[in-house]
């Protein structure tokens, strides 16, 4: 992980903590801009944190991702979120960290 990837963990942790969500995520686009989100659960809309971060980035014009991070209490990566990252960048690393920010692995 790079120093910039560690910043993504900090952003994802903050997004998660801000609303008390189970997950937080962050992505860095090809221009170095970052986007962070937490899980969204509404009666009419459900998004994983990673889907939310990807949606923010794409709606802002991101065409490529350098890296993505998910901070989660779970043991598995949300497959829909991973698919969204891969739709934009097939080779961007997805780092998975626990709520303390400890890296658990990279997809």
N, C-alpha and C. Protein backbone atom coordinates (compact mmCIF):
# COMPACT_ATOMS: atom_id res chain seq x y z
N UNK A 1 0.83 -1.19 0.00
CA UNK A 1 0.00 0.00 0.00
C UNK A 1 0.87 1.25 0.00
N UNK A 2 0.40 2.23 -0.75
CA UNK A 2 1.12 3.50 -0.78
C UNK A 2 0.60 4.43 0.32
N UNK A 3 1.31 5.52 0.51
CA UNK A 3 0.87 6.52 1.47
C UNK A 3 -0.50 7.08 1.06
N UNK A 4 -0.72 7.22 -0.24
CA UNK A 4 -2.01 7.70 -0.74
C UNK A 4 -3.13 6.70 -0.45
N UNK A 5 -2.80 5.41 -0.50
CA UNK A 5 -3.80 4.38 -0.17
C UNK A 5 -4.16 4.43 1.31
N UNK A 6 -3.19 4.73 2.16
CA UNK A 6 -3.46 4.88 3.59
C UNK A 6 -4.41 6.04 3.86
N UNK A 7 -4.30 7.10 3.05
CA UNK A 7 -5.24 8.22 3.17
C UNK A 7 -6.66 7.76 2.83
N UNK A 8 -6.79 6.86 1.85
CA UNK A 8 -8.11 6.33 1.51
C UNK A 8 -8.73 5.60 2.70
N UNK A 9 -7.90 4.86 3.43
CA UNK A 9 -8.41 4.17 4.63
C UNK A 9 -8.94 5.18 5.63
N UNK A 10 -8.21 6.27 5.83
CA UNK A 10 -8.65 7.32 6.75
C UNK A 10 -9.98 7.91 6.31
N UNK A 11 -10.13 8.18 5.02
CA UNK A 11 -11.38 8.72 4.50
C UNK A 11 -12.53 7.74 4.67
N UNK A 12 -12.28 6.47 4.39
CA UNK A 12 -13.32 5.45 4.51
C UNK A 12 -13.74 5.28 5.97
N UNK A 13 -12.76 5.28 6.87
CA UNK A 13 -13.08 5.18 8.31
C UNK A 13 -13.94 6.36 8.75
N UNK A 14 -13.61 7.55 8.29
CA UNK A 14 -14.35 8.74 8.67
C UNK A 14 -15.78 8.71 8.13
N UNK A 15 -15.94 8.27 6.88
CA UNK A 15 -17.28 8.17 6.30
C UNK A 15 -18.14 7.20 7.09
N UNK A 16 -17.55 6.09 7.47
CA UNK A 16 -18.24 5.06 8.25
C UNK A 16 -18.63 5.59 9.62
N UNK A 17 -17.70 6.22 10.29
CA UNK A 17 -17.92 6.71 11.65
C UNK A 17 -18.95 7.85 11.69
N UNK A 18 -18.94 8.68 10.66
CA UNK A 18 -19.82 9.85 10.62
C UNK A 18 -21.29 9.46 10.78
N UNK A 19 -21.69 8.32 10.20
CA UNK A 19 -23.10 7.92 10.25
C UNK A 19 -23.31 6.60 10.99
N UNK A 20 -22.24 6.04 11.54
CA UNK A 20 -22.36 4.78 12.26
C UNK A 20 -22.70 3.60 11.38
N UNK A 21 -22.22 3.62 10.15
CA UNK A 21 -22.51 2.57 9.18
C UNK A 21 -21.59 1.36 9.38
N UNK A 22 -22.01 0.23 8.87
CA UNK A 22 -21.21 -0.98 8.94
C UNK A 22 -19.98 -0.88 8.04
N UNK A 23 -20.09 -0.11 6.95
CA UNK A 23 -18.98 0.01 6.00
C UNK A 23 -18.76 1.46 5.60
N UNK A 24 -17.53 1.75 5.28
CA UNK A 24 -17.14 3.00 4.65
C UNK A 24 -16.22 2.65 3.50
N UNK A 25 -16.20 3.47 2.47
CA UNK A 25 -15.34 3.20 1.32
C UNK A 25 -14.82 4.50 0.75
N UNK A 26 -13.73 4.40 0.03
CA UNK A 26 -13.16 5.55 -0.65
C UNK A 26 -12.47 5.08 -1.92
N UNK A 27 -12.49 5.94 -2.94
CA UNK A 27 -11.78 5.66 -4.19
C UNK A 27 -10.96 6.89 -4.55
N UNK A 28 -9.88 6.64 -5.29
CA UNK A 28 -9.04 7.73 -5.82
C UNK A 28 -9.05 7.59 -7.33
N UNK A 29 -9.42 8.67 -8.01
CA UNK A 29 -9.51 8.60 -9.46
C UNK A 29 -8.15 8.85 -10.12
N UNK A 30 -8.12 8.79 -11.42
CA UNK A 30 -6.88 8.94 -12.17
C UNK A 30 -6.24 10.30 -12.04
N UNK A 31 -7.01 11.30 -11.58
CA UNK A 31 -6.47 12.64 -11.38
C UNK A 31 -6.07 12.89 -9.93
N UNK A 32 -6.21 11.86 -9.08
CA UNK A 32 -5.84 11.98 -7.68
C UNK A 32 -6.95 12.50 -6.78
N UNK A 33 -8.14 12.75 -7.34
CA UNK A 33 -9.27 13.19 -6.53
C UNK A 33 -9.83 12.00 -5.75
N UNK A 34 -10.34 12.25 -4.55
CA UNK A 34 -10.86 11.17 -3.73
C UNK A 34 -12.35 11.38 -3.45
N UNK A 35 -13.03 10.26 -3.26
CA UNK A 35 -14.46 10.24 -2.99
C UNK A 35 -14.70 9.19 -1.91
N UNK A 36 -15.52 9.54 -0.92
CA UNK A 36 -15.78 8.61 0.17
C UNK A 36 -17.28 8.53 0.41
N UNK A 37 -17.72 7.36 0.89
CA UNK A 37 -19.14 7.15 1.17
C UNK A 37 -19.30 6.08 2.24
N UNK A 38 -20.48 6.08 2.84
CA UNK A 38 -20.87 5.03 3.79
C UNK A 38 -22.04 4.27 3.19
N UNK A 39 -22.36 3.14 3.78
CA UNK A 39 -23.50 2.35 3.35
C UNK A 39 -24.77 3.19 3.44
N UNK A 40 -25.63 3.06 2.42
CA UNK A 40 -26.92 3.76 2.39
C UNK A 40 -28.03 2.72 2.44
N UNK A 41 -28.90 2.85 3.43
CA UNK A 41 -30.05 1.94 3.55
C UNK A 41 -31.30 2.78 3.78
N UNK A 42 -32.05 3.00 2.71
CA UNK A 42 -33.31 3.72 2.76
C UNK A 42 -34.40 2.79 2.23
N UNK A 43 -35.65 3.08 2.51
CA UNK A 43 -36.71 2.23 1.97
C UNK A 43 -36.68 2.13 0.44
N UNK A 44 -36.26 3.22 -0.22
CA UNK A 44 -36.27 3.21 -1.68
C UNK A 44 -34.89 3.12 -2.32
N UNK A 45 -33.82 3.05 -1.52
CA UNK A 45 -32.46 3.03 -2.08
C UNK A 45 -31.51 2.32 -1.14
N UNK A 46 -30.79 1.35 -1.66
CA UNK A 46 -29.74 0.68 -0.90
C UNK A 46 -28.47 0.65 -1.74
N UNK A 47 -27.39 1.14 -1.15
CA UNK A 47 -26.08 1.13 -1.80
C UNK A 47 -25.04 0.69 -0.80
N UNK A 48 -24.13 -0.14 -1.25
CA UNK A 48 -22.99 -0.43 -0.40
C UNK A 48 -22.12 0.83 -0.38
N UNK A 49 -21.25 0.91 0.59
CA UNK A 49 -20.35 2.06 0.69
C UNK A 49 -19.51 2.19 -0.58
N UNK A 50 -19.04 1.06 -1.09
CA UNK A 50 -18.21 1.09 -2.30
C UNK A 50 -19.02 1.56 -3.51
N UNK A 51 -20.26 1.11 -3.64
CA UNK A 51 -21.11 1.59 -4.73
C UNK A 51 -21.30 3.10 -4.61
N UNK A 52 -21.50 3.59 -3.39
CA UNK A 52 -21.68 5.03 -3.19
C UNK A 52 -20.47 5.83 -3.59
N UNK A 53 -19.29 5.36 -3.21
CA UNK A 53 -18.05 6.06 -3.57
C UNK A 53 -17.84 6.05 -5.08
N UNK A 54 -18.10 4.90 -5.72
CA UNK A 54 -17.97 4.81 -7.18
C UNK A 54 -18.97 5.75 -7.85
N UNK A 55 -20.21 5.77 -7.37
CA UNK A 55 -21.23 6.65 -7.96
C UNK A 55 -20.81 8.11 -7.87
N UNK A 56 -20.28 8.52 -6.72
CA UNK A 56 -19.82 9.90 -6.58
C UNK A 56 -18.72 10.21 -7.58
N UNK A 57 -17.76 9.31 -7.70
CA UNK A 57 -16.63 9.53 -8.59
C UNK A 57 -17.07 9.60 -10.04
N UNK A 58 -17.88 8.66 -10.45
CA UNK A 58 -18.33 8.63 -11.85
C UNK A 58 -19.18 9.85 -12.16
N UNK A 59 -20.05 10.25 -11.23
CA UNK A 59 -20.89 11.42 -11.49
C UNK A 59 -20.08 12.71 -11.53
N UNK A 60 -18.86 12.68 -10.98
CA UNK A 60 -17.96 13.83 -11.04
C UNK A 60 -17.03 13.77 -12.25
N UNK A 61 -17.18 12.71 -13.06
CA UNK A 61 -16.38 12.62 -14.28
C UNK A 61 -15.20 11.69 -14.24
N UNK A 62 -15.02 10.93 -13.18
CA UNK A 62 -13.87 10.01 -13.10
C UNK A 62 -14.00 8.95 -14.19
N UNK A 63 -12.91 8.73 -14.88
CA UNK A 63 -12.88 7.72 -15.94
C UNK A 63 -11.96 6.55 -15.61
N UNK A 64 -11.21 6.68 -14.50
CA UNK A 64 -10.25 5.66 -14.10
C UNK A 64 -10.05 5.75 -12.59
N UNK A 65 -9.80 4.61 -11.96
CA UNK A 65 -9.46 4.59 -10.54
C UNK A 65 -8.03 4.12 -10.38
N UNK A 66 -7.31 4.76 -9.46
CA UNK A 66 -5.98 4.32 -9.08
C UNK A 66 -6.06 3.27 -7.98
N UNK A 67 -7.04 3.43 -7.07
CA UNK A 67 -7.19 2.50 -5.95
C UNK A 67 -8.54 2.71 -5.29
N UNK A 68 -8.96 1.69 -4.55
CA UNK A 68 -10.20 1.76 -3.77
C UNK A 68 -9.96 1.08 -2.43
N UNK A 69 -10.75 1.49 -1.43
CA UNK A 69 -10.63 0.92 -0.08
C UNK A 69 -12.03 0.71 0.47
N UNK A 70 -12.20 -0.40 1.18
CA UNK A 70 -13.43 -0.63 1.96
C UNK A 70 -13.00 -0.89 3.40
N UNK A 71 -13.63 -0.19 4.33
CA UNK A 71 -13.45 -0.46 5.76
C UNK A 71 -14.74 -1.13 6.21
N UNK A 72 -14.62 -2.35 6.71
CA UNK A 72 -15.80 -3.14 6.99
C UNK A 72 -15.66 -3.98 8.25
N UNK A 73 -16.79 -4.28 8.85
CA UNK A 73 -16.84 -5.22 9.96
C UNK A 73 -16.97 -6.65 9.42
N UNK A 74 -17.35 -6.76 8.15
CA UNK A 74 -17.59 -8.07 7.54
C UNK A 74 -16.31 -8.77 7.13
N UNK A 75 -16.49 -9.98 6.67
CA UNK A 75 -15.34 -10.78 6.24
C UNK A 75 -15.25 -10.91 4.72
N UNK A 76 -16.24 -10.39 4.01
CA UNK A 76 -16.25 -10.50 2.55
C UNK A 76 -16.46 -9.13 1.92
N UNK A 77 -15.92 -8.97 0.72
CA UNK A 77 -16.10 -7.74 -0.04
C UNK A 77 -17.45 -7.80 -0.74
N UNK A 78 -18.18 -6.69 -0.70
CA UNK A 78 -19.44 -6.57 -1.41
C UNK A 78 -19.19 -6.75 -2.91
N UNK A 79 -19.78 -7.78 -3.50
CA UNK A 79 -19.51 -8.11 -4.90
C UNK A 79 -20.05 -7.07 -5.87
N UNK A 80 -21.19 -6.46 -5.54
CA UNK A 80 -21.73 -5.41 -6.41
C UNK A 80 -20.80 -4.19 -6.41
N UNK A 81 -20.26 -3.86 -5.25
CA UNK A 81 -19.31 -2.75 -5.17
C UNK A 81 -18.03 -3.05 -5.93
N UNK A 82 -17.52 -4.26 -5.76
CA UNK A 82 -16.33 -4.67 -6.50
C UNK A 82 -16.58 -4.60 -8.00
N UNK A 83 -17.75 -5.06 -8.44
CA UNK A 83 -18.09 -5.01 -9.86
C UNK A 83 -18.13 -3.57 -10.36
N UNK A 84 -18.63 -2.64 -9.54
CA UNK A 84 -18.67 -1.23 -9.93
C UNK A 84 -17.26 -0.67 -10.11
N UNK A 85 -16.36 -1.02 -9.19
CA UNK A 85 -14.96 -0.59 -9.34
C UNK A 85 -14.39 -1.16 -10.62
N UNK A 86 -14.62 -2.44 -10.89
CA UNK A 86 -14.08 -3.10 -12.09
C UNK A 86 -14.68 -2.54 -13.37
N UNK A 87 -15.92 -2.04 -13.31
CA UNK A 87 -16.52 -1.40 -14.49
C UNK A 87 -15.71 -0.19 -14.93
N UNK A 88 -15.10 0.49 -13.97
CA UNK A 88 -14.33 1.69 -14.27
C UNK A 88 -12.87 1.36 -14.51
N UNK A 89 -12.29 0.52 -13.67
CA UNK A 89 -10.86 0.17 -13.79
C UNK A 89 -10.66 -1.29 -13.41
N UNK A 90 -10.40 -2.11 -14.40
CA UNK A 90 -10.24 -3.55 -14.18
C UNK A 90 -9.04 -3.89 -13.31
N UNK A 91 -8.04 -3.00 -13.27
CA UNK A 91 -6.81 -3.34 -12.56
C UNK A 91 -6.57 -2.54 -11.28
N UNK A 92 -7.52 -1.73 -10.86
CA UNK A 92 -7.33 -0.93 -9.64
C UNK A 92 -7.36 -1.85 -8.42
N UNK A 93 -6.38 -1.72 -7.54
CA UNK A 93 -6.41 -2.55 -6.32
C UNK A 93 -7.55 -2.12 -5.40
N UNK A 94 -8.19 -3.10 -4.78
CA UNK A 94 -9.21 -2.84 -3.77
C UNK A 94 -8.67 -3.37 -2.46
N UNK A 95 -8.35 -2.45 -1.55
CA UNK A 95 -7.83 -2.81 -0.23
C UNK A 95 -9.00 -2.93 0.74
N UNK A 96 -8.95 -3.95 1.59
CA UNK A 96 -9.99 -4.18 2.58
C UNK A 96 -9.36 -4.05 3.95
N UNK A 97 -9.97 -3.20 4.79
CA UNK A 97 -9.44 -2.96 6.14
C UNK A 97 -10.55 -3.17 7.16
N UNK A 98 -10.14 -3.47 8.38
CA UNK A 98 -11.11 -3.61 9.47
C UNK A 98 -11.41 -2.23 10.04
N UNK A 99 -12.39 -2.10 10.94
CA UNK A 99 -12.76 -0.79 11.47
C UNK A 99 -11.62 -0.02 12.14
N UNK A 100 -10.60 -0.70 12.61
CA UNK A 100 -9.45 -0.02 13.18
C UNK A 100 -8.50 0.52 12.12
N UNK A 101 -8.74 0.12 10.86
CA UNK A 101 -7.88 0.55 9.76
C UNK A 101 -6.77 -0.42 9.43
N UNK A 102 -6.79 -1.59 10.03
CA UNK A 102 -5.77 -2.61 9.75
C UNK A 102 -6.09 -3.30 8.43
N UNK A 103 -5.14 -3.34 7.55
CA UNK A 103 -5.33 -3.98 6.25
C UNK A 103 -5.56 -5.47 6.43
N UNK A 104 -6.65 -5.98 5.86
CA UNK A 104 -6.96 -7.41 5.93
C UNK A 104 -6.60 -8.11 4.62
N UNK A 105 -6.50 -7.35 3.53
CA UNK A 105 -6.15 -7.97 2.25
C UNK A 105 -6.40 -7.03 1.11
N UNK A 106 -5.97 -7.45 -0.06
CA UNK A 106 -6.16 -6.67 -1.30
C UNK A 106 -6.72 -7.60 -2.35
N UNK A 107 -7.74 -7.09 -3.05
CA UNK A 107 -8.37 -7.86 -4.14
C UNK A 107 -7.85 -7.33 -5.45
